[in-house]
Amino acid sequence: MYWYAIDYLNEMNAEYTFVILNKKYFNKVPTELLNNDVFLLSFLGFFSHLFNHKYRLIFTPTPHALPFFRRQVVVLHDSFPFIGTLTRRFKKVLLCISLFLSGAKIAVINKTAGADFARTLGTFEQLYFFPNKIDILKQKEGTEGHQVSIVSYSVGLVGTDSSKKNYQEVFEVFKGEKNNFSFFVYGQNNDYILSLKRRFPHINITLIDSDNVAPFEFINMVNALLSAAEYEGFGRLNFLALQMGKDLVLKQTEVNREIYGKFANQNKTCDVTFFQKIDDVANIFSALRARQTRAPILMSENDNKNFYRAVEILGDLYK
C-alpha cells in the first residue's frame, strides 16, 4: 500500500503535497523515493498535526478512514481483514463508523472485490476507481526469453505477511512431488515462514530477503510466480514478471480475472494460468516447464491510462 501511495503522490504537485507517516512503522521506509516533504510523527502527533493544518484534501490510501476529517479520500482494496472472525467483523463496524464520521469519498482499487466490498459499507454518492500503476520496463531491462531448466523448476512466492497467502496449501500439494520443484519466497523472516519450514522439511523452501534483494533480481531467480491467496489483487511483481518473460499461476478469482485475464492463453509469450483447485497446481507447473522458451509481454504507458485518469480526479478533488 505504501508503494501504491507513492505512485499517486509522485504524480501530484509536490510543492503543495505533504506526506505524514507514523514513525513507529515507517522510520525505515525509503522516503527519498518521494518528491514531497515528509513528516514522521507519533500517533498523537499525527492527529495533532492534521487538526492544526487545514489541508485541502487528505488522501488515505488504506482502508482506514480518519474520523472528523471531511475532505478525505479513502481507498478500499478488498474485504480483508473485515470478514470472517468476530474480531474482523468488529473492524468492519469501526470502518463503517469512521467513514460515517468523516463523510470521506470512497475510491476502490478494482471494480470487482473492492467495489463489491465498498457496497456492503453503505450508500455512497460515487465510487471512484483508483487502480494501481504498472511499472513499465524498458525493453533493454526485460529478457529475450529464458531457457527453462530441465533439472529443477523454481517457483516464486511473493510476500510473507500472513497465512492468507495460503502457502501451506501449496506445500501440501508438492510434499509428495519427486520432480525437483523448489520455492523461493520473497519477503522477510517471521513466525509464518519458520512454521512452514518446520511443517514441510522435505520441500526446498528458500527465503529471499526483500530488504536486500531487488524485485528484478528475485524474479530472475525463478521460472514462474504463483499466488494461491483468496484475497489478493494487483501485484507489482506479477507485472514485472510478465515483462521479464515469466509465467504466472493464479487462483481463479474475480479480481485476478479482472487484472490479468487479458494476458491469459498466450501462444508466443509467457502465460497467465488460473486454477480453481489447489490440487491442479502441480500438473500446471509440469506442463509449463515443458515449454522451452518464454518471451516477455511488452507493455506501454497506454496500459496505465486508468491510473493517470485517477490522478486527474484526485487533483480535481484537491482544488
C-alpha atoms as a PDB file:
ATOM      1  CA  MET A   1       0.000   0.000   0.000  1.00  0.00           C
ATOM      2  CA  TYR A   2       2.966   2.308   0.633  1.00  0.00           C
ATOM      3  CA  TRP A   3       4.184   1.845  -2.938  1.00  0.00           C
ATOM      4  CA  TYR A   4       0.646   2.324  -4.230  1.00  0.00           C
ATOM      5  CA  ALA A   5       0.503   5.671  -2.439  1.00  0.00           C
ATOM      6  CA  ILE A   6       3.932   6.727  -3.709  1.00  0.00           C
ATOM      7  CA  ASP A   7       2.804   6.290  -7.318  1.00  0.00           C
ATOM      8  CA  TYR A   8      -0.107   8.682  -6.783  1.00  0.00           C
ATOM      9  CA  LEU A   9       1.767  11.219  -4.684  1.00  0.00           C
ATOM     10  CA  ASN A  10       4.672  11.437  -7.110  1.00  0.00           C
ATOM     11  CA  GLU A  11       2.233  12.428  -9.852  1.00  0.00           C
ATOM     12  CA  MET A  12       0.792  15.253  -7.730  1.00  0.00           C
ATOM     13  CA  ASN A  13       2.200  18.743  -7.344  1.00  0.00           C
ATOM     14  CA  ALA A  14       4.963  18.176  -4.787  1.00  0.00           C
ATOM     15  CA  GLU A  15       5.063  21.857  -3.864  1.00  0.00           C
ATOM     16  CA  TYR A  16       1.632  21.592  -2.273  1.00  0.00           C
ATOM     17  CA  THR A  17       1.613  17.939  -1.211  1.00  0.00           C
ATOM     18  CA  PHE A  18       2.838  16.626   2.137  1.00  0.00           C
ATOM     19  CA  VAL A  19       3.259  13.083   3.398  1.00  0.00           C
ATOM     20  CA  ILE A  20       2.545  12.126   7.005  1.00  0.00           C
ATOM     21  CA  LEU A  21       3.807   8.788   8.310  1.00  0.00           C
ATOM     22  CA  ASN A  22       3.650   7.099  11.707  1.00  0.00           C
ATOM     23  CA  LYS A  23       7.299   6.900  12.735  1.00  0.00           C
ATOM     24  CA  LYS A  24       6.651   3.717  14.731  1.00  0.00           C
ATOM     25  CA  TYR A  25       6.097   1.819  11.484  1.00  0.00           C
ATOM     26  CA  PHE A  26       7.770   3.891   8.804  1.00  0.00           C
ATOM     27  CA  ASN A  27      11.086   5.051  10.257  1.00  0.00           C
ATOM     28  CA  LYS A  28      12.897   2.644   7.918  1.00  0.00           C
ATOM     29  CA  VAL A  29      10.885   3.414   4.809  1.00  0.00           C
ATOM     30  CA  PRO A  30      12.939   4.855   1.909  1.00  0.00           C
ATOM     31  CA  THR A  31      11.279   8.254   1.974  1.00  0.00           C
ATOM     32  CA  GLU A  32      13.840   9.511  -0.549  1.00  0.00           C
ATOM     33  CA  LEU A  33      11.634   7.905  -3.191  1.00  0.00           C
ATOM     34  CA  LEU A  34       9.101  10.646  -2.513  1.00  0.00           C
ATOM     35  CA  ASN A  35       9.289  14.077  -4.086  1.00  0.00           C
ATOM     36  CA  ASN A  36       7.333  15.540  -1.190  1.00  0.00           C
ATOM     37  CA  ASP A  37       8.059  16.926   2.265  1.00  0.00           C
ATOM     38  CA  VAL A  38       7.692  14.055   4.741  1.00  0.00           C
ATOM     39  CA  PHE A  39       6.613  14.254   8.390  1.00  0.00           C
ATOM     40  CA  LEU A  40       7.452  11.290  10.643  1.00  0.00           C
ATOM     41  CA  LEU A  41       5.150  11.643  13.630  1.00  0.00           C
ATOM     42  CA  SER A  42       3.897   9.666  16.602  1.00  0.00           C
ATOM     43  CA  PHE A  43       0.261   8.539  16.717  1.00  0.00           C
ATOM     44  CA  LEU A  44      -0.791  11.547  18.810  1.00  0.00           C
ATOM     45  CA  GLY A  45       1.425  13.889  16.837  1.00  0.00           C
ATOM     46  CA  PHE A  46      -0.203  12.605  13.668  1.00  0.00           C
ATOM     47  CA  PHE A  47      -3.700  13.723  14.721  1.00  0.00           C
ATOM     48  CA  SER A  48      -2.415  16.929  16.285  1.00  0.00           C
ATOM     49  CA  HIS A  49      -0.726  17.832  13.019  1.00  0.00           C
ATOM     50  CA  LEU A  50      -3.880  17.179  10.995  1.00  0.00           C
ATOM     51  CA  PHE A  51      -6.065  19.259  13.316  1.00  0.00           C
ATOM     52  CA  ASN A  52      -3.625  22.165  13.251  1.00  0.00           C
ATOM     53  CA  HIS A  53      -3.106  22.206   9.485  1.00  0.00           C
ATOM     54  CA  LYS A  54      -6.087  22.877   7.283  1.00  0.00           C
ATOM     55  CA  TYR A  55      -5.261  20.638   4.352  1.00  0.00           C
ATOM     56  CA  ARG A  56      -7.479  20.909   1.304  1.00  0.00           C
ATOM     57  CA  LEU A  57      -7.577  17.151   0.940  1.00  0.00           C
ATOM     58  CA  ILE A  58      -6.371  14.115   2.893  1.00  0.00           C
ATOM     59  CA  PHE A  59      -5.531  11.086   0.748  1.00  0.00           C
ATOM     60  CA  THR A  60      -5.751   7.883   2.800  1.00  0.00           C
ATOM     61  CA  PRO A  61      -4.515   5.045   0.545  1.00  0.00           C
ATOM     62  CA  THR A  62      -5.529   2.339   3.015  1.00  0.00           C
ATOM     63  CA  PRO A  63      -8.977   1.260   4.300  1.00  0.00           C
ATOM     64  CA  HIS A  64      -8.589   3.306   7.486  1.00  0.00           C
ATOM     65  CA  ALA A  65     -10.745   6.409   7.344  1.00  0.00           C
ATOM     66  CA  LEU A  66      -9.805   9.225   9.719  1.00  0.00           C
ATOM     67  CA  PRO A  67     -12.944  10.347  11.594  1.00  0.00           C
ATOM     68  CA  PHE A  68     -13.939  14.035  11.542  1.00  0.00           C
ATOM     69  CA  PHE A  69     -11.735  14.919   8.536  1.00  0.00           C
ATOM     70  CA  ARG A  70     -14.306  15.564   5.845  1.00  0.00           C
ATOM     71  CA  ARG A  71     -12.138  16.453   2.855  1.00  0.00           C
ATOM     72  CA  GLN A  72     -10.719  12.968   2.586  1.00  0.00           C
ATOM     73  CA  VAL A  73     -10.386  10.197   0.007  1.00  0.00           C
ATOM     74  CA  VAL A  74     -10.151   6.646   1.366  1.00  0.00           C
ATOM     75  CA  VAL A  75      -9.080   3.716  -0.826  1.00  0.00           C
ATOM     76  CA  LEU A  76     -10.671   0.294  -0.285  1.00  0.00           C
ATOM     77  CA  HIS A  77      -8.726  -2.708  -1.593  1.00  0.00           C
ATOM     78  CA  ASP A  78     -10.828  -5.782  -0.730  1.00  0.00           C
ATOM     79  CA  SER A  79     -12.760  -7.345   2.150  1.00  0.00           C
ATOM     80  CA  PHE A  80      -9.626  -8.460   4.033  1.00  0.00           C
ATOM     81  CA  PRO A  81      -9.378  -8.129   7.034  1.00  0.00           C
ATOM     82  CA  PHE A  82     -13.031  -7.246   7.574  1.00  0.00           C
ATOM     83  CA  ILE A  83     -14.834 -10.582   7.173  1.00  0.00           C
ATOM     84  CA  GLY A  84     -14.642 -13.918   8.932  1.00  0.00           C
ATOM     85  CA  THR A  85     -13.822 -13.881  12.641  1.00  0.00           C
ATOM     86  CA  LEU A  86     -15.567 -11.786  15.276  1.00  0.00           C
ATOM     87  CA  THR A  87     -12.504  -9.517  15.515  1.00  0.00           C
ATOM     88  CA  ARG A  88     -12.534  -8.905  11.771  1.00  0.00           C
ATOM     89  CA  ARG A  89     -16.259  -8.155  11.762  1.00  0.00           C
ATOM     90  CA  PHE A  90     -15.670  -5.673  14.585  1.00  0.00           C
ATOM     91  CA  LYS A  91     -13.037  -3.976  12.404  1.00  0.00           C
ATOM     92  CA  LYS A  92     -15.677  -3.620   9.713  1.00  0.00           C
ATOM     93  CA  VAL A  93     -18.008  -1.912  12.201  1.00  0.00           C
ATOM     94  CA  LEU A  94     -15.212   0.512  13.122  1.00  0.00           C
ATOM     95  CA  LEU A  95     -14.585   1.188   9.433  1.00  0.00           C
ATOM     96  CA  CYS A  96     -18.267   1.975   8.854  1.00  0.00           C
ATOM     97  CA  ILE A  97     -18.286   4.339  11.839  1.00  0.00           C
ATOM     98  CA  SER A  98     -15.138   6.166  10.712  1.00  0.00           C
ATOM     99  CA  LEU A  99     -16.493   6.513   7.158  1.00  0.00           C
ATOM    100  CA  PHE A 100     -19.748   7.930   8.531  1.00  0.00           C
ATOM    101  CA  LEU A 101     -17.989  10.386  10.845  1.00  0.00           C
ATOM    102  CA  SER A 102     -15.645  11.574   8.116  1.00  0.00           C
ATOM    103  CA  GLY A 103     -18.017  11.673   5.173  1.00  0.00           C
ATOM    104  CA  ALA A 104     -14.991  10.613   3.130  1.00  0.00           C
ATOM    105  CA  LYS A 105     -15.112   9.988  -0.582  1.00  0.00           C
ATOM    106  CA  ILE A 106     -14.524   6.329  -1.426  1.00  0.00           C
ATOM    107  CA  ALA A 107     -12.153   5.002  -4.072  1.00  0.00           C
ATOM    108  CA  VAL A 108     -11.684   1.345  -4.951  1.00  0.00           C
ATOM    109  CA  ILE A 109      -8.582  -0.318  -6.319  1.00  0.00           C
ATOM    110  CA  ASN A 110     -10.502  -2.726  -8.562  1.00  0.00           C
ATOM    111  CA  LYS A 111     -14.018  -2.998  -9.964  1.00  0.00           C
ATOM    112  CA  THR A 112     -14.761  -6.458  -8.576  1.00  0.00           C
ATOM    113  CA  ALA A 113     -13.776  -7.310  -4.985  1.00  0.00           C
ATOM    114  CA  GLY A 114     -13.010  -3.713  -3.992  1.00  0.00           C
ATOM    115  CA  ALA A 115     -16.257  -2.316  -5.375  1.00  0.00           C
ATOM    116  CA  ASP A 116     -18.322  -5.246  -4.069  1.00  0.00           C
ATOM    117  CA  PHE A 117     -16.934  -4.753  -0.561  1.00  0.00           C
ATOM    118  CA  ALA A 118     -17.494  -0.982  -0.700  1.00  0.00           C
ATOM    119  CA  ARG A 119     -21.186  -1.521  -1.431  1.00  0.00           C
ATOM    120  CA  THR A 120     -21.582  -3.524   1.790  1.00  0.00           C
ATOM    121  CA  LEU A 121     -20.494  -0.493   3.817  1.00  0.00           C
ATOM    122  CA  GLY A 122     -23.393   1.768   2.899  1.00  0.00           C
ATOM    123  CA  THR A 123     -24.628   4.017   0.130  1.00  0.00           C
ATOM    124  CA  PHE A 124     -22.150   6.458  -1.348  1.00  0.00           C
ATOM    125  CA  GLU A 125     -22.619   9.324  -3.740  1.00  0.00           C
ATOM    126  CA  GLN A 126     -19.959   7.907  -6.045  1.00  0.00           C
ATOM    127  CA  LEU A 127     -17.286   5.210  -6.093  1.00  0.00           C
ATOM    128  CA  TYR A 128     -14.040   6.350  -7.681  1.00  0.00           C
ATOM    129  CA  PHE A 129     -11.745   3.920  -9.498  1.00  0.00           C
ATOM    130  CA  PHE A 130      -8.118   4.383  -8.372  1.00  0.00           C
ATOM    131  CA  PRO A 131      -6.168   1.433  -9.865  1.00  0.00           C
ATOM    132  CA  ASN A 132      -2.525   0.554  -9.349  1.00  0.00           C
ATOM    133  CA  LYS A 133       0.175   1.803 -11.658  1.00  0.00           C
ATOM    134  CA  ILE A 134       2.094  -0.745 -13.700  1.00  0.00           C
ATOM    135  CA  ASP A 135       5.861  -0.263 -13.665  1.00  0.00           C
ATOM    136  CA  ILE A 136       6.759  -0.271 -17.337  1.00  0.00           C
ATOM    137  CA  LEU A 137      10.117  -1.852 -18.127  1.00  0.00           C
ATOM    138  CA  LYS A 138      12.239  -0.503 -20.915  1.00  0.00           C
ATOM    139  CA  GLN A 139      12.898  -3.232 -23.452  1.00  0.00           C
ATOM    140  CA  LYS A 140      16.570  -3.481 -22.529  1.00  0.00           C
ATOM    141  CA  GLU A 141      15.565  -4.131 -18.892  1.00  0.00           C
ATOM    142  CA  GLY A 142      13.466  -7.159 -19.804  1.00  0.00           C
ATOM    143  CA  THR A 143      14.625 -10.516 -21.043  1.00  0.00           C
ATOM    144  CA  GLU A 144      14.648 -12.005 -24.506  1.00  0.00           C
ATOM    145  CA  GLY A 145      13.137 -15.183 -23.036  1.00  0.00           C
ATOM    146  CA  HIS A 146      14.916 -17.725 -20.871  1.00  0.00           C
ATOM    147  CA  GLN A 147      15.705 -21.412 -21.093  1.00  0.00           C
ATOM    148  CA  VAL A 148      13.642 -23.478 -18.686  1.00  0.00           C
ATOM    149  CA  SER A 149      15.835 -25.750 -16.585  1.00  0.00           C
ATOM    150  CA  ILE A 150      15.368 -29.443 -17.261  1.00  0.00           C
ATOM    151  CA  VAL A 151      16.885 -30.288 -13.869  1.00  0.00           C
ATOM    152  CA  SER A 152      14.848 -28.162 -11.462  1.00  0.00           C
ATOM    153  CA  TYR A 153      11.953 -25.733 -11.607  1.00  0.00           C
ATOM    154  CA  SER A 154      11.878 -22.705  -9.314  1.00  0.00           C
ATOM    155  CA  VAL A 155       8.551 -21.238  -8.231  1.00  0.00           C
ATOM    156  CA  GLY A 156       8.423 -17.723  -6.791  1.00  0.00           C
ATOM    157  CA  LEU A 157       6.046 -16.810  -3.943  1.00  0.00           C
ATOM    158  CA  VAL A 158       5.647 -13.134  -3.098  1.00  0.00           C
ATOM    159  CA  GLY A 159       5.033 -11.930   0.456  1.00  0.00           C
ATOM    160  CA  THR A 160       5.326 -13.377   3.948  1.00  0.00           C
ATOM    161  CA  ASP A 161       2.842 -11.176   5.808  1.00  0.00           C
ATOM    162  CA  SER A 162       0.306 -13.791   6.924  1.00  0.00           C
ATOM    163  CA  SER A 163      -1.315 -17.172   6.383  1.00  0.00           C
ATOM    164  CA  LYS A 164      -3.735 -15.541   3.905  1.00  0.00           C
ATOM    165  CA  LYS A 165      -1.030 -16.336   1.322  1.00  0.00           C
ATOM    166  CA  ASN A 166      -2.101 -19.998   1.629  1.00  0.00           C
ATOM    167  CA  TYR A 167       1.435 -21.326   1.210  1.00  0.00           C
ATOM    168  CA  GLN A 168       0.544 -24.231   3.479  1.00  0.00           C
ATOM    169  CA  GLU A 169      -1.960 -25.433   0.862  1.00  0.00           C
ATOM    170  CA  VAL A 170       0.645 -25.140  -1.877  1.00  0.00           C
ATOM    171  CA  PHE A 171       3.231 -27.151   0.025  1.00  0.00           C
ATOM    172  CA  GLU A 172       0.693 -29.850   0.875  1.00  0.00           C
ATOM    173  CA  VAL A 173       0.326 -30.431  -2.870  1.00  0.00           C
ATOM    174  CA  PHE A 174       4.058 -30.572  -3.528  1.00  0.00           C
ATOM    175  CA  LYS A 175       5.239 -32.537  -0.494  1.00  0.00           C
ATOM    176  CA  GLY A 176       4.961 -35.796  -2.405  1.00  0.00           C
ATOM    177  CA  GLU A 177       6.370 -34.495  -5.694  1.00  0.00           C
ATOM    178  CA  LYS A 178       9.614 -36.030  -6.994  1.00  0.00           C
ATOM    179  CA  ASN A 179      10.141 -33.514  -9.799  1.00  0.00           C
ATOM    180  CA  ASN A 180      12.707 -31.232  -8.171  1.00  0.00           C
ATOM    181  CA  PHE A 181      10.450 -28.250  -7.580  1.00  0.00           C
ATOM    182  CA  SER A 182      11.945 -25.541  -5.390  1.00  0.00           C
ATOM    183  CA  PHE A 183      10.290 -22.481  -3.883  1.00  0.00           C
ATOM    184  CA  PHE A 184      11.752 -19.013  -3.453  1.00  0.00           C
ATOM    185  CA  VAL A 185       9.719 -16.868  -1.035  1.00  0.00           C
ATOM    186  CA  TYR A 186      10.226 -13.106  -1.355  1.00  0.00           C
ATOM    187  CA  GLY A 187       9.725 -11.328   1.955  1.00  0.00           C
ATOM    188  CA  GLN A 188      11.093 -11.303   5.490  1.00  0.00           C
ATOM    189  CA  ASN A 189      11.755 -13.992   8.043  1.00  0.00           C
ATOM    190  CA  ASN A 190       8.939 -14.407  10.559  1.00  0.00           C
ATOM    191  CA  ASP A 191       6.956 -16.987  12.506  1.00  0.00           C
ATOM    192  CA  TYR A 192       4.809 -17.829   9.478  1.00  0.00           C
ATOM    193  CA  ILE A 193       7.802 -18.811   7.315  1.00  0.00           C
ATOM    194  CA  LEU A 194       9.528 -20.659  10.159  1.00  0.00           C
ATOM    195  CA  SER A 195       6.395 -22.698  10.844  1.00  0.00           C
ATOM    196  CA  LEU A 196       6.154 -23.662   7.159  1.00  0.00           C
ATOM    197  CA  LYS A 197       9.763 -24.847   7.091  1.00  0.00           C
ATOM    198  CA  ARG A 198       9.177 -26.962  10.211  1.00  0.00           C
ATOM    199  CA  ARG A 199       5.963 -28.414   8.808  1.00  0.00           C
ATOM    200  CA  PHE A 200       7.427 -29.221   5.365  1.00  0.00           C
ATOM    201  CA  PRO A 201      11.081 -30.140   6.000  1.00  0.00           C
ATOM    202  CA  HIS A 202      11.436 -32.087   2.748  1.00  0.00           C
ATOM    203  CA  ILE A 203      10.390 -29.193   0.496  1.00  0.00           C
ATOM    204  CA  ASN A 204      13.104 -26.894  -0.778  1.00  0.00           C
ATOM    205  CA  ILE A 205      11.997 -23.501   0.606  1.00  0.00           C
ATOM    206  CA  THR A 206      14.391 -20.559   0.298  1.00  0.00           C
ATOM    207  CA  LEU A 207      13.604 -17.165   1.811  1.00  0.00           C
ATOM    208  CA  ILE A 208      14.768 -14.209  -0.301  1.00  0.00           C
ATOM    209  CA  ASP A 209      15.125 -11.118   1.896  1.00  0.00           C
ATOM    210  CA  SER A 210      13.129  -8.327   0.261  1.00  0.00           C
ATOM    211  CA  ASP A 211      15.145  -5.711   2.178  1.00  0.00           C
ATOM    212  CA  ASN A 212      18.366  -6.752   0.447  1.00  0.00           C
ATOM    213  CA  VAL A 213      17.290  -8.242  -2.881  1.00  0.00           C
ATOM    214  CA  ALA A 214      15.614  -6.082  -5.523  1.00  0.00           C
ATOM    215  CA  PRO A 215      12.419  -7.364  -7.185  1.00  0.00           C
ATOM    216  CA  PHE A 216      14.193  -7.591 -10.549  1.00  0.00           C
ATOM    217  CA  GLU A 217      16.872  -9.827  -9.020  1.00  0.00           C
ATOM    218  CA  PHE A 218      14.292 -12.044  -7.316  1.00  0.00           C
ATOM    219  CA  ILE A 219      12.295 -12.624 -10.497  1.00  0.00           C
ATOM    220  CA  ASN A 220      15.460 -13.582 -12.346  1.00  0.00           C
ATOM    221  CA  MET A 221      15.879 -16.409  -9.811  1.00  0.00           C
ATOM    222  CA  VAL A 222      12.600 -18.143 -10.672  1.00  0.00           C
ATOM    223  CA  ASN A 223      10.819 -19.753 -13.594  1.00  0.00           C
ATOM    224  CA  ALA A 224       7.332 -18.603 -12.612  1.00  0.00           C
ATOM    225  CA  LEU A 225       5.313 -16.877  -9.898  1.00  0.00           C
ATOM    226  CA  LEU A 226       2.446 -18.498  -8.001  1.00  0.00           C
ATOM    227  CA  SER A 227      -0.315 -16.921  -5.931  1.00  0.00           C
ATOM    228  CA  ALA A 228      -2.811 -19.108  -4.066  1.00  0.00           C
ATOM    229  CA  ALA A 229      -4.318 -16.298  -1.994  1.00  0.00           C
ATOM    230  CA  GLU A 230      -8.066 -15.761  -1.954  1.00  0.00           C
ATOM    231  CA  TYR A 231      -7.814 -12.073  -1.021  1.00  0.00           C
ATOM    232  CA  GLU A 232      -5.136 -10.846  -3.363  1.00  0.00           C
ATOM    233  CA  GLY A 233      -5.313  -8.377  -6.212  1.00  0.00           C
ATOM    234  CA  PHE A 234      -2.799  -6.341  -8.139  1.00  0.00           C
ATOM    235  CA  GLY A 235       0.799  -7.474  -7.716  1.00  0.00           C
ATOM    236  CA  ARG A 236       3.650  -5.173  -8.733  1.00  0.00           C
ATOM    237  CA  LEU A 237       5.983  -8.134  -9.086  1.00  0.00           C
ATOM    238  CA  ASN A 238       3.435 -10.033 -11.161  1.00  0.00           C
ATOM    239  CA  PHE A 239       3.509  -7.384 -13.880  1.00  0.00           C
ATOM    240  CA  LEU A 240       7.270  -7.165 -13.633  1.00  0.00           C
ATOM    241  CA  ALA A 241       7.441 -10.949 -14.106  1.00  0.00           C
ATOM    242  CA  LEU A 242       5.280 -10.860 -17.245  1.00  0.00           C
ATOM    243  CA  GLN A 243       7.549  -8.210 -18.736  1.00  0.00           C
ATOM    244  CA  MET A 244      10.548 -10.435 -17.944  1.00  0.00           C
ATOM    245  CA  GLY A 245       9.058 -13.492 -19.615  1.00  0.00           C
ATOM    246  CA  LYS A 246       7.958 -15.397 -16.501  1.00  0.00           C
ATOM    247  CA  ASP A 247       4.678 -17.303 -16.208  1.00  0.00           C
ATOM    248  CA  LEU A 248       2.017 -16.508 -13.613  1.00  0.00           C
ATOM    249  CA  VAL A 249      -0.143 -19.161 -11.973  1.00  0.00           C
ATOM    250  CA  LEU A 250      -3.007 -17.572 -10.053  1.00  0.00           C
ATOM    251  CA  LYS A 251      -6.040 -18.638  -8.093  1.00  0.00           C
ATOM    252  CA  GLN A 252      -9.244 -18.238 -10.071  1.00  0.00           C
ATOM    253  CA  THR A 253     -10.879 -15.141  -8.544  1.00  0.00           C
ATOM    254  CA  GLU A 254     -12.874 -12.253  -9.975  1.00  0.00           C
ATOM    255  CA  VAL A 255     -10.062  -9.828  -9.146  1.00  0.00           C
ATOM    256  CA  ASN A 256      -7.384 -11.907 -10.833  1.00  0.00           C
ATOM    257  CA  ARG A 257      -9.577 -12.286 -13.906  1.00  0.00           C
ATOM    258  CA  GLU A 258     -10.167  -8.522 -13.987  1.00  0.00           C
ATOM    259  CA  ILE A 259      -6.490  -7.628 -13.699  1.00  0.00           C
ATOM    260  CA  TYR A 260      -4.683 -10.430 -15.557  1.00  0.00           C
ATOM    261  CA  GLY A 261      -7.325 -12.006 -17.772  1.00  0.00           C
ATOM    262  CA  LYS A 262      -6.209 -10.286 -20.967  1.00  0.00           C
ATOM    263  CA  PHE A 263      -2.754 -11.885 -20.627  1.00  0.00           C
ATOM    264  CA  ALA A 264      -4.071 -15.458 -20.385  1.00  0.00           C
ATOM    265  CA  ASN A 265      -3.805 -18.069 -23.140  1.00  0.00           C
ATOM    266  CA  GLN A 266      -0.807 -16.521 -24.845  1.00  0.00           C
ATOM    267  CA  ASN A 267       0.831 -18.615 -27.580  1.00  0.00           C
ATOM    268  CA  LYS A 268       4.172 -16.890 -28.126  1.00  0.00           C
ATOM    269  CA  THR A 269       4.808 -15.205 -24.786  1.00  0.00           C
ATOM    270  CA  CYS A 270       4.744 -16.069 -21.121  1.00  0.00           C
ATOM    271  CA  ASP A 271       1.313 -17.010 -19.885  1.00  0.00           C
ATOM    272  CA  VAL A 272      -1.181 -16.442 -17.097  1.00  0.00           C
ATOM    273  CA  THR A 273      -2.867 -19.644 -15.915  1.00  0.00           C
ATOM    274  CA  PHE A 274      -5.780 -19.705 -13.487  1.00  0.00           C
ATOM    275  CA  PHE A 275      -6.605 -22.653 -11.233  1.00  0.00           C
ATOM    276  CA  GLN A 276      -9.730 -23.449  -9.241  1.00  0.00           C
ATOM    277  CA  LYS A 277      -8.447 -26.374  -7.181  1.00  0.00           C
ATOM    278  CA  ILE A 278      -5.072 -26.205  -5.464  1.00  0.00           C
ATOM    279  CA  ASP A 279      -4.519 -29.882  -6.385  1.00  0.00           C
ATOM    280  CA  ASP A 280      -4.233 -28.815 -10.044  1.00  0.00           C
ATOM    281  CA  VAL A 281      -1.167 -26.638  -9.469  1.00  0.00           C
ATOM    282  CA  ALA A 282       1.450 -29.398  -9.713  1.00  0.00           C
ATOM    283  CA  ASN A 283       0.128 -30.507 -13.102  1.00  0.00           C
ATOM    284  CA  ILE A 284       0.042 -26.903 -14.326  1.00  0.00           C
ATOM    285  CA  PHE A 285       3.705 -26.395 -13.473  1.00  0.00           C
ATOM    286  CA  SER A 286       4.645 -29.731 -15.014  1.00  0.00           C
ATOM    287  CA  ALA A 287       3.073 -28.538 -18.283  1.00  0.00           C
ATOM    288  CA  LEU A 288       4.651 -25.086 -18.096  1.00  0.00           C
ATOM    289  CA  ARG A 289       8.148 -26.402 -17.508  1.00  0.00           C
ATOM    290  CA  ALA A 290       7.899 -28.453 -20.688  1.00  0.00           C
ATOM    291  CA  ARG A 291       7.785 -25.257 -22.765  1.00  0.00           C
ATOM    292  CA  GLN A 292      11.314 -24.336 -23.737  1.00  0.00           C
ATOM    293  CA  THR A 293      11.349 -20.535 -24.008  1.00  0.00           C
ATOM    294  CA  ARG A 294       9.255 -17.698 -22.662  1.00  0.00           C
ATOM    295  CA  ALA A 295       9.112 -14.375 -24.451  1.00  0.00           C
ATOM    296  CA  PRO A 296       8.244 -11.292 -22.370  1.00  0.00           C
ATOM    297  CA  ILE A 297       4.961  -9.439 -22.712  1.00  0.00           C
ATOM    298  CA  LEU A 298       5.620  -5.872 -23.835  1.00  0.00           C
ATOM    299  CA  MET A 299       3.652  -3.151 -22.060  1.00  0.00           C
ATOM    300  CA  SER A 300       3.445   0.599 -22.536  1.00  0.00           C
ATOM    301  CA  GLU A 301       2.117   3.637 -20.699  1.00  0.00           C
ATOM    302  CA  ASN A 302      -1.166   3.062 -22.502  1.00  0.00           C
ATOM    303  CA  ASP A 303      -1.672   0.213 -20.014  1.00  0.00           C
ATOM    304  CA  ASN A 304      -1.723   2.916 -17.289  1.00  0.00           C
ATOM    305  CA  LYS A 305      -4.424   5.120 -18.794  1.00  0.00           C
ATOM    306  CA  ASN A 306      -6.879   4.403 -15.947  1.00  0.00           C
ATOM    307  CA  PHE A 307      -4.192   5.240 -13.392  1.00  0.00           C
ATOM    308  CA  TYR A 308      -3.475   8.636 -14.969  1.00  0.00           C
ATOM    309  CA  ARG A 309      -7.213   9.335 -15.160  1.00  0.00           C
ATOM    310  CA  ALA A 310      -7.441   8.622 -11.409  1.00  0.00           C
ATOM    311  CA  VAL A 311      -4.563  11.046 -10.761  1.00  0.00           C
ATOM    312  CA  GLU A 312      -6.533  13.735 -12.614  1.00  0.00           C
ATOM    313  CA  ILE A 313      -9.612  13.013 -10.487  1.00  0.00           C
ATOM    314  CA  LEU A 314      -7.556  13.219  -7.289  1.00  0.00           C
ATOM    315  CA  GLY A 315      -6.183  16.558  -8.448  1.00  0.00           C
ATOM    316  CA  ASP A 316      -9.705  17.834  -9.158  1.00  0.00           C
ATOM    317  CA  LEU A 317     -10.831  16.819  -5.663  1.00  0.00           C
ATOM    318  CA  TYR A 318      -7.874  18.724  -4.230  1.00  0.00           C
ATOM    319  CA  LYS A 319      -8.947  22.043  -5.825  1.00  0.00           C
END
